């Protein structure tokens, strides 16, 4: 996977989390076109960068507990 496509995936993930529109983990993985295990790895990387990400079973979506912003680009 190229660096740019990986950045695009992270940006897409970030937008979906901000909008609370991820769906369950399998749906989220499908939306960003990765496996579920890769999705968990990416979420872990975002958490390492300070993102406080949680999952709501009620809303069936990941969300940021606090405001989180990150800039993507080259």
Protein backbone atom coordinates (compact mmCIF):
# COMPACT_ATOMS: atom_id res chain seq x y z
CA UNK A 1 0.00 0.00 0.00
CA UNK A 2 1.39 3.39 -0.94
CA UNK A 3 1.99 6.11 1.58
CA UNK A 4 -0.62 8.38 -0.03
CA UNK A 5 -3.33 5.73 0.01
CA UNK A 6 -2.58 5.06 3.67
CA UNK A 7 -2.92 8.79 4.42
CA UNK A 8 -6.24 8.83 2.57
CA UNK A 9 -7.47 5.93 4.69
CA UNK A 10 -6.53 7.69 7.92
CA UNK A 11 -8.23 10.86 6.73
CA UNK A 12 -11.38 8.91 5.83
CA UNK A 13 -11.32 7.15 9.21
CA UNK A 14 -10.96 10.48 10.99
CA UNK A 15 -13.93 11.98 9.14
CA UNK A 16 -16.15 8.96 9.86
CA UNK A 17 -15.23 9.04 13.55
CA UNK A 18 -15.90 12.79 13.74
CA UNK A 19 -19.32 12.28 12.16
CA UNK A 20 -20.02 9.23 14.37
CA UNK A 21 -20.80 7.36 11.18
CA UNK A 22 -18.46 4.39 11.38
CA UNK A 23 -20.94 1.60 11.99
CA UNK A 24 -19.80 -1.50 13.84
CA UNK A 25 -16.16 -2.61 13.52
CA UNK A 26 -16.79 -4.80 10.46
CA UNK A 27 -18.76 -2.05 8.71
CA UNK A 28 -16.08 0.49 9.57
CA UNK A 29 -13.38 -1.79 8.16
CA UNK A 30 -15.44 -2.22 4.99
CA UNK A 31 -15.88 1.54 4.64
CA UNK A 32 -12.14 2.15 4.76
CA UNK A 33 -11.37 -0.99 2.73
CA UNK A 34 -9.18 -2.78 5.26
CA UNK A 35 -9.49 -5.93 7.32
CA UNK A 36 -10.93 -5.68 10.81
CA UNK A 37 -7.54 -6.47 12.36
CA UNK A 38 -5.91 -3.69 10.30
CA UNK A 39 -8.66 -1.33 11.43
CA UNK A 40 -7.84 -2.10 15.09
CA UNK A 41 -4.16 -1.49 14.33
CA UNK A 42 -4.97 1.91 12.74
CA UNK A 43 -7.20 2.87 15.68
CA UNK A 44 -4.28 2.01 17.96
CA UNK A 45 -2.01 4.30 15.94
CA UNK A 46 -4.50 7.15 16.26
CA UNK A 47 -4.68 6.51 20.00
CA UNK A 48 -0.88 6.72 20.17
CA UNK A 49 -1.20 10.20 18.61
CA UNK A 50 -3.52 11.27 21.42
CA UNK A 51 -6.95 10.39 20.06
CA UNK A 52 -9.35 9.22 22.75
CA UNK A 53 -11.48 6.90 20.66
CA UNK A 54 -14.38 4.94 22.14
CA UNK A 55 -17.10 2.74 20.73
CA UNK A 56 -20.82 3.18 21.46
CA UNK A 57 -22.82 -0.03 21.25
CA UNK A 58 -26.01 2.01 21.33
CA UNK A 59 -25.04 4.22 18.36
CA UNK A 60 -22.97 1.45 16.75
CA UNK A 61 -20.19 3.90 16.02
CA UNK A 62 -16.73 4.92 17.12
CA UNK A 63 -16.42 8.48 18.36
CA UNK A 64 -13.87 10.84 19.89
CA UNK A 65 -14.35 11.33 23.64
CA UNK A 66 -12.66 14.74 23.44
CA UNK A 67 -11.99 17.14 20.62
CA UNK A 68 -9.27 15.72 18.43
CA UNK A 69 -7.74 17.18 15.34
CA UNK A 70 -5.02 15.90 13.12
CA UNK A 71 -3.64 17.20 9.85
CA UNK A 72 -3.02 14.90 6.95
CA UNK A 73 -0.96 15.83 3.96
CA UNK A 74 2.33 15.75 2.24
